């Protein structure tokens, strides 16, 4: 059961993921450098990746297509970038 995928959409999602990840990493690096990164932020860094990995793996194993495999990571990265942008 192979899902039909749009190669351009998958490419666009990967580009968005790259930009949102860079922004999130930059904000978190600044927090760490300032000694202002909270325990909950460190915990979030780990837990969100585990959750995204689980959802992405499930999408991959059930043949839901490239977009569904990338989506868990993209959603979290965009949310974090937006959240950290506002909190600064």
PDB file of N, CA and C in Angstrom:
ATOM      1  N   UNK A   1       0.842  -1.176   0.000  1.00  0.00           N
ATOM      2  CA  UNK A   1       0.000   0.000   0.000  1.00  0.00           C
ATOM      3  C   UNK A   1       0.889   1.242   0.000  1.00  0.00           C
ATOM      4  N   UNK A   2       1.154   1.772  -1.161  1.00  0.00           N
ATOM      5  CA  UNK A   2       2.015   2.942  -1.280  1.00  0.00           C
ATOM      6  C   UNK A   2       1.164   4.183  -1.502  1.00  0.00           C
ATOM      7  N   UNK A   3       1.403   5.190  -0.682  1.00  0.00           N
ATOM      8  CA  UNK A   3       0.644   6.438  -0.805  1.00  0.00           C
ATOM      9  C   UNK A   3       1.222   7.273  -1.926  1.00  0.00           C
ATOM     10  N   UNK A   4       0.347   7.921  -2.670  1.00  0.00           N
ATOM     11  CA  UNK A   4       0.802   8.841  -3.709  1.00  0.00           C
ATOM     12  C   UNK A   4       1.380  10.075  -3.040  1.00  0.00           C
ATOM     13  N   UNK A   5       2.544  10.491  -3.490  1.00  0.00           N
ATOM     14  CA  UNK A   5       3.175  11.659  -2.881  1.00  0.00           C
ATOM     15  C   UNK A   5       3.545  12.667  -3.955  1.00  0.00           C
ATOM     16  N   UNK A   6       3.536  13.907  -3.581  1.00  0.00           N
ATOM     17  CA  UNK A   6       3.948  14.997  -4.457  1.00  0.00           C
ATOM     18  C   UNK A   6       5.389  15.338  -4.097  1.00  0.00           C
ATOM     19  N   UNK A   7       6.349  15.053  -4.972  1.00  0.00           N
ATOM     20  CA  UNK A   7       7.747  15.294  -4.638  1.00  0.00           C
ATOM     21  C   UNK A   7       8.035  16.750  -4.284  1.00  0.00           C
ATOM     22  N   UNK A   8       7.334  17.687  -4.926  1.00  0.00           N
ATOM     23  CA  UNK A   8       7.561  19.091  -4.613  1.00  0.00           C
ATOM     24  C   UNK A   8       7.094  19.416  -3.201  1.00  0.00           C
ATOM     25  N   UNK A   9       5.960  18.832  -2.787  1.00  0.00           N
ATOM     26  CA  UNK A   9       5.453  19.080  -1.435  1.00  0.00           C
ATOM     27  C   UNK A   9       6.418  18.537  -0.387  1.00  0.00           C
ATOM     28  N   UNK A  10       6.941  17.349  -0.621  1.00  0.00           N
ATOM     29  CA  UNK A  10       7.905  16.778   0.318  1.00  0.00           C
ATOM     30  C   UNK A  10       9.152  17.658   0.404  1.00  0.00           C
ATOM     31  N   UNK A  11       9.620  18.166  -0.731  1.00  0.00           N
ATOM     32  CA  UNK A  11      10.783  19.055  -0.752  1.00  0.00           C
ATOM     33  C   UNK A  11      10.487  20.342   0.017  1.00  0.00           C
ATOM     34  N   UNK A  12       9.301  20.908  -0.223  1.00  0.00           N
ATOM     35  CA  UNK A  12       8.905  22.141   0.467  1.00  0.00           C
ATOM     36  C   UNK A  12       8.849  21.917   1.982  1.00  0.00           C
ATOM     37  N   UNK A  13       8.297  20.779   2.394  1.00  0.00           N
ATOM     38  CA  UNK A  13       8.210  20.476   3.829  1.00  0.00           C
ATOM     39  C   UNK A  13       9.597  20.335   4.441  1.00  0.00           C
ATOM     40  N   UNK A  14      10.530  19.712   3.713  1.00  0.00           N
ATOM     41  CA  UNK A  14      11.895  19.564   4.233  1.00  0.00           C
ATOM     42  C   UNK A  14      12.576  20.921   4.348  1.00  0.00           C
ATOM     43  N   UNK A  15      12.330  21.814   3.387  1.00  0.00           N
ATOM     44  CA  UNK A  15      12.901  23.167   3.457  1.00  0.00           C
ATOM     45  C   UNK A  15      12.327  23.917   4.660  1.00  0.00           C
ATOM     46  N   UNK A  16      11.010  23.792   4.870  1.00  0.00           N
ATOM     47  CA  UNK A  16      10.380  24.437   6.029  1.00  0.00           C
ATOM     48  C   UNK A  16      10.928  23.865   7.327  1.00  0.00           C
ATOM     49  N   UNK A  17      11.110  22.551   7.369  1.00  0.00           N
ATOM     50  CA  UNK A  17      11.657  21.903   8.560  1.00  0.00           C
ATOM     51  C   UNK A  17      13.067  22.409   8.845  1.00  0.00           C
ATOM     52  N   UNK A  18      13.865  22.543   7.806  1.00  0.00           N
ATOM     53  CA  UNK A  18      15.231  23.042   7.979  1.00  0.00           C
ATOM     54  C   UNK A  18      15.233  24.452   8.575  1.00  0.00           C
ATOM     55  N   UNK A  19      14.431  25.332   8.010  1.00  0.00           N
ATOM     56  CA  UNK A  19      14.401  26.715   8.508  1.00  0.00           C
ATOM     57  C   UNK A  19      13.863  26.797   9.935  1.00  0.00           C
ATOM     58  N   UNK A  20      12.776  26.096  10.224  1.00  0.00           N
ATOM     59  CA  UNK A  20      12.194  26.133  11.572  1.00  0.00           C
ATOM     60  C   UNK A  20      13.156  25.517  12.583  1.00  0.00           C
ATOM     61  N   UNK A  21      13.864  24.463  12.183  1.00  0.00           N
ATOM     62  CA  UNK A  21      14.831  23.828  13.085  1.00  0.00           C
ATOM     63  C   UNK A  21      15.983  24.764  13.402  1.00  0.00           C
ATOM     64  N   UNK A  22      16.504  25.428  12.364  1.00  0.00           N
ATOM     65  CA  UNK A  22      17.601  26.376  12.589  1.00  0.00           C
ATOM     66  C   UNK A  22      17.176  27.486  13.537  1.00  0.00           C
ATOM     67  N   UNK A  23      15.971  27.991  13.338  1.00  0.00           N
ATOM     68  CA  UNK A  23      15.489  29.062  14.210  1.00  0.00           C
ATOM     69  C   UNK A  23      15.357  28.566  15.649  1.00  0.00           C
ATOM     70  N   UNK A  24      14.777  27.389  15.814  1.00  0.00           N
ATOM     71  CA  UNK A  24      14.601  26.823  17.154  1.00  0.00           C
ATOM     72  C   UNK A  24      15.950  26.582  17.820  1.00  0.00           C
ATOM     73  N   UNK A  25      16.885  26.023  17.084  1.00  0.00           N
ATOM     74  CA  UNK A  25      18.217  25.759  17.636  1.00  0.00           C
ATOM     75  C   UNK A  25      18.878  27.073  18.047  1.00  0.00           C
ATOM     76  N   UNK A  26      18.742  28.097  17.228  1.00  0.00           N
ATOM     77  CA  UNK A  26      19.318  29.401  17.561  1.00  0.00           C
ATOM     78  C   UNK A  26      18.742  29.975  18.845  1.00  0.00           C
ATOM     79  N   UNK A  27      17.417  29.921  18.985  1.00  0.00           N
ATOM     80  CA  UNK A  27      16.786  30.425  20.212  1.00  0.00           C
ATOM     81  C   UNK A  27      17.228  29.622  21.437  1.00  0.00           C
ATOM     82  N   UNK A  28      17.237  28.310  21.287  1.00  0.00           N
ATOM     83  CA  UNK A  28      17.620  27.466  22.431  1.00  0.00           C
ATOM     84  C   UNK A  28      19.092  27.640  22.780  1.00  0.00           C
ATOM     85  N   UNK A  29      19.936  27.790  21.783  1.00  0.00           N
ATOM     86  CA  UNK A  29      21.350  28.029  22.039  1.00  0.00           C
ATOM     87  C   UNK A  29      21.530  29.330  22.811  1.00  0.00           C
ATOM     88  N   UNK A  30      20.795  30.361  22.421  1.00  0.00           N
ATOM     89  CA  UNK A  30      20.873  31.638  23.130  1.00  0.00           C
ATOM     90  C   UNK A  30      20.415  31.483  24.579  1.00  0.00           C
ATOM     91  N   UNK A  31      19.337  30.740  24.789  1.00  0.00           N
ATOM     92  CA  UNK A  31      18.869  30.504  26.161  1.00  0.00           C
ATOM     93  C   UNK A  31      19.933  29.793  26.986  1.00  0.00           C
ATOM     94  N   UNK A  32      20.554  28.773  26.397  1.00  0.00           N
ATOM     95  CA  UNK A  32      21.601  28.035  27.116  1.00  0.00           C
ATOM     96  C   UNK A  32      22.803  28.927  27.413  1.00  0.00           C
ATOM     97  N   UNK A  33      23.199  29.733  26.429  1.00  0.00           N
ATOM     98  CA  UNK A  33      24.361  30.613  26.608  1.00  0.00           C
ATOM     99  C   UNK A  33      24.117  31.645  27.704  1.00  0.00           C
ATOM    100  N   UNK A  34      22.865  32.057  27.852  1.00  0.00           N
ATOM    101  CA  UNK A  34      22.509  33.033  28.877  1.00  0.00           C
ATOM    102  C   UNK A  34      22.219  32.377  30.226  1.00  0.00           C
ATOM    103  N   UNK A  35      22.214  31.056  30.257  1.00  0.00           N
ATOM    104  CA  UNK A  35      21.873  30.335  31.486  1.00  0.00           C
ATOM    105  C   UNK A  35      20.396  30.442  31.808  1.00  0.00           C
ATOM    106  N   UNK A  36      19.580  30.700  30.803  1.00  0.00           N
ATOM    107  CA  UNK A  36      18.150  30.916  31.028  1.00  0.00           C
ATOM    108  C   UNK A  36      17.283  29.759  30.527  1.00  0.00           C
ATOM    109  N   UNK A  37      17.903  28.673  30.091  1.00  0.00           N
ATOM    110  CA  UNK A  37      17.143  27.527  29.594  1.00  0.00           C
ATOM    111  C   UNK A  37      16.620  26.731  30.796  1.00  0.00           C
ATOM    112  N   UNK A  38      15.313  26.572  30.860  1.00  0.00           N
ATOM    113  CA  UNK A  38      14.690  25.898  32.009  1.00  0.00           C
ATOM    114  C   UNK A  38      14.761  24.377  31.877  1.00  0.00           C
ATOM    115  N   UNK A  39      14.572  23.712  32.990  1.00  0.00           N
ATOM    116  CA  UNK A  39      14.524  22.248  33.006  1.00  0.00           C
ATOM    117  C   UNK A  39      13.417  21.760  32.073  1.00  0.00           C
ATOM    118  N   UNK A  40      12.270  22.429  32.109  1.00  0.00           N
ATOM    119  CA  UNK A  40      11.155  21.992  31.259  1.00  0.00           C
ATOM    120  C   UNK A  40      11.491  22.135  29.772  1.00  0.00           C
ATOM    121  N   UNK A  41      12.288  23.132  29.423  1.00  0.00           N
ATOM    122  CA  UNK A  41      12.695  23.287  28.017  1.00  0.00           C
ATOM    123  C   UNK A  41      13.636  22.154  27.609  1.00  0.00           C
ATOM    124  N   UNK A  42      14.558  21.787  28.496  1.00  0.00           N
ATOM    125  CA  UNK A  42      15.443  20.653  28.207  1.00  0.00           C
ATOM    126  C   UNK A  42      14.627  19.368  28.066  1.00  0.00           C
ATOM    127  N   UNK A  43      13.659  19.166  28.941  1.00  0.00           N
ATOM    128  CA  UNK A  43      12.813  17.975  28.862  1.00  0.00           C
ATOM    129  C   UNK A  43      12.008  17.971  27.573  1.00  0.00           C
ATOM    130  N   UNK A  44      11.513  19.132  27.166  1.00  0.00           N
ATOM    131  CA  UNK A  44      10.748  19.246  25.938  1.00  0.00           C
ATOM    132  C   UNK A  44      11.611  18.881  24.730  1.00  0.00           C
ATOM    133  N   UNK A  45      12.880  19.294  24.761  1.00  0.00           N
ATOM    134  CA  UNK A  45      13.787  18.985  23.657  1.00  0.00           C
ATOM    135  C   UNK A  45      13.859  17.479  23.407  1.00  0.00           C
ATOM    136  N   UNK A  46      13.887  16.714  24.471  1.00  0.00           N
ATOM    137  CA  UNK A  46      13.979  15.255  24.331  1.00  0.00           C
ATOM    138  C   UNK A  46      12.624  14.623  24.036  1.00  0.00           C
ATOM    139  N   UNK A  47      11.616  15.002  24.787  1.00  0.00           N
ATOM    140  CA  UNK A  47      10.316  14.338  24.651  1.00  0.00           C
ATOM    141  C   UNK A  47       9.666  14.586  23.295  1.00  0.00           C
ATOM    142  N   UNK A  48       9.828  15.796  22.754  1.00  0.00           N
ATOM    143  CA  UNK A  48       9.210  16.084  21.456  1.00  0.00           C
ATOM    144  C   UNK A  48       9.841  15.263  20.342  1.00  0.00           C
ATOM    145  N   UNK A  49      11.137  14.995  20.456  1.00  0.00           N
ATOM    146  CA  UNK A  49      11.800  14.200  19.433  1.00  0.00           C
ATOM    147  C   UNK A  49      11.378  12.736  19.504  1.00  0.00           C
ATOM    148  N   UNK A  50      11.198  12.234  20.704  1.00  0.00           N
ATOM    149  CA  UNK A  50      10.734  10.854  20.872  1.00  0.00           C
ATOM    150  C   UNK A  50       9.321  10.705  20.310  1.00  0.00           C
ATOM    151  N   UNK A  51       8.452  11.641  20.623  1.00  0.00           N
ATOM    152  CA  UNK A  51       7.075  11.597  20.134  1.00  0.00           C
ATOM    153  C   UNK A  51       7.027  11.715  18.606  1.00  0.00           C
ATOM    154  N   UNK A  52       7.817  12.628  18.046  1.00  0.00           N
ATOM    155  CA  UNK A  52       7.849  12.796  16.591  1.00  0.00           C
ATOM    156  C   UNK A  52       8.388  11.529  15.918  1.00  0.00           C
ATOM    157  N   UNK A  53       9.399  10.917  16.522  1.00  0.00           N
ATOM    158  CA  UNK A  53       9.952   9.677  15.975  1.00  0.00           C
ATOM    159  C   UNK A  53       8.903   8.574  15.947  1.00  0.00           C
ATOM    160  N   UNK A  54       8.132   8.454  17.018  1.00  0.00           N
ATOM    161  CA  UNK A  54       7.088   7.431  17.074  1.00  0.00           C
ATOM    162  C   UNK A  54       6.044   7.647  15.975  1.00  0.00           C
ATOM    163  N   UNK A  55       5.566   8.874  15.841  1.00  0.00           N
ATOM    164  CA  UNK A  55       4.548   9.177  14.830  1.00  0.00           C
ATOM    165  C   UNK A  55       5.092   9.016  13.416  1.00  0.00           C
ATOM    166  N   UNK A  56       6.314   9.445  13.213  1.00  0.00           N
ATOM    167  CA  UNK A  56       6.937   9.335  11.903  1.00  0.00           C
ATOM    168  C   UNK A  56       7.154   7.870  11.527  1.00  0.00           C
ATOM    169  N   UNK A  57       7.607   7.078  12.471  1.00  0.00           N
ATOM    170  CA  UNK A  57       7.814   5.650  12.225  1.00  0.00           C
ATOM    171  C   UNK A  57       6.503   4.961  11.900  1.00  0.00           C
ATOM    172  N   UNK A  58       5.460   5.289  12.622  1.00  0.00           N
ATOM    173  CA  UNK A  58       4.142   4.716  12.350  1.00  0.00           C
ATOM    174  C   UNK A  58       3.678   5.070  10.936  1.00  0.00           C
ATOM    175  N   UNK A  59       3.865   6.317  10.536  1.00  0.00           N
ATOM    176  CA  UNK A  59       3.488   6.736   9.176  1.00  0.00           C
ATOM    177  C   UNK A  59       4.301   5.976   8.132  1.00  0.00           C
ATOM    178  N   UNK A  60       5.578   5.783   8.402  1.00  0.00           N
ATOM    179  CA  UNK A  60       6.445   5.066   7.473  1.00  0.00           C
ATOM    180  C   UNK A  60       6.029   3.603   7.351  1.00  0.00           C
ATOM    181  N   UNK A  61       5.783   2.968   8.487  1.00  0.00           N
ATOM    182  CA  UNK A  61       5.433   1.547   8.491  1.00  0.00           C
ATOM    183  C   UNK A  61       4.063   1.265   7.893  1.00  0.00           C
ATOM    184  N   UNK A  62       3.185   2.242   7.926  1.00  0.00           N
ATOM    185  CA  UNK A  62       1.845   2.051   7.369  1.00  0.00           C
ATOM    186  C   UNK A  62       1.727   2.609   5.953  1.00  0.00           C
ATOM    187  N   UNK A  63       2.840   3.060   5.380  1.00  0.00           N
ATOM    188  CA  UNK A  63       2.873   3.495   3.994  1.00  0.00           C
ATOM    189  C   UNK A  63       2.085   4.748   3.686  1.00  0.00           C
ATOM    190  N   UNK A  64       2.073   5.688   4.626  1.00  0.00           N
ATOM    191  CA  UNK A  64       1.265   6.893   4.416  1.00  0.00           C
ATOM    192  C   UNK A  64       1.948   7.993   3.626  1.00  0.00           C
ATOM    193  N   UNK A  65       3.132   7.781   3.129  1.00  0.00           N
ATOM    194  CA  UNK A  65       3.775   8.763   2.260  1.00  0.00           C
ATOM    195  C   UNK A  65       4.761   9.676   2.965  1.00  0.00           C
ATOM    196  N   UNK A  66       5.576  10.314   2.138  1.00  0.00           N
ATOM    197  CA  UNK A  66       6.648  11.172   2.646  1.00  0.00           C
ATOM    198  C   UNK A  66       6.141  12.326   3.505  1.00  0.00           C
ATOM    199  N   UNK A  67       5.050  12.936   3.077  1.00  0.00           N
ATOM    200  CA  UNK A  67       4.533  14.091   3.814  1.00  0.00           C
ATOM    201  C   UNK A  67       4.166  13.710   5.249  1.00  0.00           C
ATOM    202  N   UNK A  68       3.535  12.564   5.411  1.00  0.00           N
ATOM    203  CA  UNK A  68       3.114  12.124   6.744  1.00  0.00           C
ATOM    204  C   UNK A  68       4.303  11.704   7.607  1.00  0.00           C
ATOM    205  N   UNK A  69       5.381  11.283   6.971  1.00  0.00           N
ATOM    206  CA  UNK A  69       6.592  10.917   7.710  1.00  0.00           C
ATOM    207  C   UNK A  69       7.281  12.175   8.238  1.00  0.00           C
ATOM    208  N   UNK A  70       7.284  13.227   7.445  1.00  0.00           N
ATOM    209  CA  UNK A  70       7.967  14.478   7.828  1.00  0.00           C
ATOM    210  C   UNK A  70       7.106  15.336   8.751  1.00  0.00           C
ATOM    211  N   UNK A  71       5.792  15.239   8.617  1.00  0.00           N
ATOM    212  CA  UNK A  71       4.873  16.144   9.324  1.00  0.00           C
ATOM    213  C   UNK A  71       5.090  16.234  10.840  1.00  0.00           C
ATOM    214  N   UNK A  72       5.298  15.127  11.580  1.00  0.00           N
ATOM    215  CA  UNK A  72       5.477  15.278  13.033  1.00  0.00           C
ATOM    216  C   UNK A  72       6.663  16.171  13.413  1.00  0.00           C
ATOM    217  N   UNK A  73       7.747  16.048  12.669  1.00  0.00           N
ATOM    218  CA  UNK A  73       8.917  16.881  12.942  1.00  0.00           C
ATOM    219  C   UNK A  73       8.659  18.338  12.560  1.00  0.00           C
ATOM    220  N   UNK A  74       8.047  18.532  11.414  1.00  0.00           N
ATOM    221  CA  UNK A  74       7.767  19.884  10.928  1.00  0.00           C
ATOM    222  C   UNK A  74       6.840  20.627  11.878  1.00  0.00           C
ATOM    223  N   UNK A  75       5.778  19.989  12.316  1.00  0.00           N
ATOM    224  CA  UNK A  75       4.825  20.642  13.221  1.00  0.00           C
ATOM    225  C   UNK A  75       5.501  21.076  14.515  1.00  0.00           C
ATOM    226  N   UNK A  76       6.319  20.209  15.075  1.00  0.00           N
ATOM    227  CA  UNK A  76       6.987  20.551  16.337  1.00  0.00           C
ATOM    228  C   UNK A  76       8.016  21.659  16.149  1.00  0.00           C
ATOM    229  N   UNK A  77       8.767  21.585  15.072  1.00  0.00           N
ATOM    230  CA  UNK A  77       9.782  22.612  14.822  1.00  0.00           C
ATOM    231  C   UNK A  77       9.137  23.977  14.601  1.00  0.00           C
ATOM    232  N   UNK A  78       8.055  24.017  13.830  1.00  0.00           N
ATOM    233  CA  UNK A  78       7.371  25.287  13.591  1.00  0.00           C
ATOM    234  C   UNK A  78       6.751  25.829  14.877  1.00  0.00           C
ATOM    235  N   UNK A  79       6.178  24.953  15.656  1.00  0.00           N
ATOM    236  CA  UNK A  79       5.576  25.385  16.924  1.00  0.00           C
ATOM    237  C   UNK A  79       6.649  25.946  17.857  1.00  0.00           C
ATOM    238  N   UNK A  80       7.760  25.245  17.974  1.00  0.00           N
ATOM    239  CA  UNK A  80       8.837  25.715  18.846  1.00  0.00           C
ATOM    240  C   UNK A  80       9.423  27.034  18.364  1.00  0.00           C
ATOM    241  N   UNK A  81       9.636  27.174  17.066  1.00  0.00           N
ATOM    242  CA  UNK A  81      10.177  28.418  16.525  1.00  0.00           C
ATOM    243  C   UNK A  81       9.253  29.579  16.858  1.00  0.00           C
ATOM    244  N   UNK A  82       7.969  29.369  16.663  1.00  0.00           N
ATOM    245  CA  UNK A  82       6.975  30.414  16.953  1.00  0.00           C
ATOM    246  C   UNK A  82       6.916  30.720  18.454  1.00  0.00           C
ATOM    247  N   UNK A  83       6.900  29.681  19.269  1.00  0.00           N
ATOM    248  CA  UNK A  83       6.826  29.860  20.724  1.00  0.00           C
ATOM    249  C   UNK A  83       8.055  30.576  21.260  1.00  0.00           C
ATOM    250  N   UNK A  84       9.222  30.172  20.806  1.00  0.00           N
ATOM    251  CA  UNK A  84      10.467  30.774  21.297  1.00  0.00           C
ATOM    252  C   UNK A  84      10.668  32.184  20.744  1.00  0.00           C
ATOM    253  N   UNK A  85      10.164  32.444  19.547  1.00  0.00           N
ATOM    254  CA  UNK A  85      10.246  33.777  18.954  1.00  0.00           C
ATOM    255  C   UNK A  85       9.450  34.774  19.790  1.00  0.00           C
ATOM    256  N   UNK A  86       8.288  34.363  20.225  1.00  0.00           N
ATOM    257  CA  UNK A  86       7.399  35.240  21.007  1.00  0.00           C
ATOM    258  C   UNK A  86       7.944  35.458  22.423  1.00  0.00           C
ATOM    259  N   UNK A  87       8.577  34.435  22.990  1.00  0.00           N
ATOM    260  CA  UNK A  87       9.035  34.532  24.377  1.00  0.00           C
ATOM    261  C   UNK A  87      10.324  35.339  24.537  1.00  0.00           C
ATOM    262  N   UNK A  88      10.937  35.716  23.441  1.00  0.00           N
ATOM    263  CA  UNK A  88      12.209  36.454  23.531  1.00  0.00           C
ATOM    264  C   UNK A  88      12.011  37.919  23.576  1.00  0.00           C
TER     265      UNK A  88
END
